[in-house]
Protein backbone atom coordinates (compact mmCIF):
# COMPACT_ATOMS: atom_id res chain seq x y z
CA UNK A 1 0.00 0.00 0.00
CA UNK A 2 1.40 3.37 -0.94
CA UNK A 3 2.05 6.12 1.58
CA UNK A 4 -0.64 8.43 0.19
CA UNK A 5 -3.24 5.64 0.53
CA UNK A 6 -2.30 5.06 4.17
CA UNK A 7 -2.45 8.80 4.83
CA UNK A 8 -5.85 9.07 3.18
CA UNK A 9 -7.29 6.17 5.18
CA UNK A 10 -5.87 7.60 8.40
CA UNK A 11 -7.26 11.06 7.63
CA UNK A 12 -10.73 9.66 6.96
CA UNK A 13 -10.64 7.72 10.24
CA UNK A 14 -9.57 10.88 12.09
CA UNK A 15 -12.42 12.89 10.62
CA UNK A 16 -15.01 10.20 11.35
CA UNK A 17 -13.76 9.77 14.92
CA UNK A 18 -13.83 13.53 15.54
CA UNK A 19 -17.34 13.79 14.12
CA UNK A 20 -18.55 10.83 16.19
CA UNK A 21 -16.99 12.28 19.34
CA UNK A 22 -18.73 15.58 18.64
CA UNK A 23 -22.10 13.91 18.18
CA UNK A 24 -21.72 11.80 21.32
CA UNK A 25 -20.61 14.82 23.35
CA UNK A 26 -23.58 16.84 22.12
CA UNK A 27 -25.99 14.06 23.04
CA UNK A 28 -24.42 13.57 26.47
CA UNK A 29 -23.82 17.17 27.58
CA UNK A 30 -26.07 19.26 25.30
CA UNK A 31 -23.34 21.68 24.18
CA UNK A 32 -20.68 21.60 21.47
CA UNK A 33 -17.44 19.74 22.20
CA UNK A 34 -14.32 21.91 22.58
CA UNK A 35 -12.24 21.70 19.42
CA UNK A 36 -9.13 20.43 21.18
CA UNK A 37 -11.06 17.44 22.55
CA UNK A 38 -12.35 16.60 19.08
CA UNK A 39 -8.79 16.80 17.77
CA UNK A 40 -7.49 14.57 20.53
CA UNK A 41 -10.16 11.97 19.85
CA UNK A 42 -9.31 11.97 16.14
CA UNK A 43 -5.60 11.72 16.84
CA UNK A 44 -6.04 8.87 19.28
CA UNK A 45 -8.17 7.01 16.74
CA UNK A 46 -5.51 7.47 14.06
CA UNK A 47 -2.72 5.79 16.02
CA UNK A 48 -4.11 2.23 16.02
CA UNK A 49 -5.28 2.57 12.41
CA UNK A 50 -1.79 3.64 11.28
CA UNK A 51 -0.22 0.75 13.19
CA UNK A 52 -2.76 -1.69 11.73
CA UNK A 53 -1.94 -0.51 8.21
CA UNK A 54 1.78 -0.95 8.90
CA UNK A 55 1.14 -4.45 10.30
CA UNK A 56 -0.94 -5.43 7.26
CA UNK A 57 1.79 -4.19 4.94
CA UNK A 58 4.38 -6.44 6.60
CA UNK A 59 2.18 -9.52 6.18
């Protein structure tokens, strides 16, 4: 898998995780999530995805 494909998949996962965190936060607390928390949730979701893509490439 090429680097740009891994980056694209990771970016999509980050955006989906940030959006999902925002929706869940809004449902739970009834106000918009702070942007830094949405960014942290997206970043934390990207780490295992990136490692999974690296692991799949080795196999």
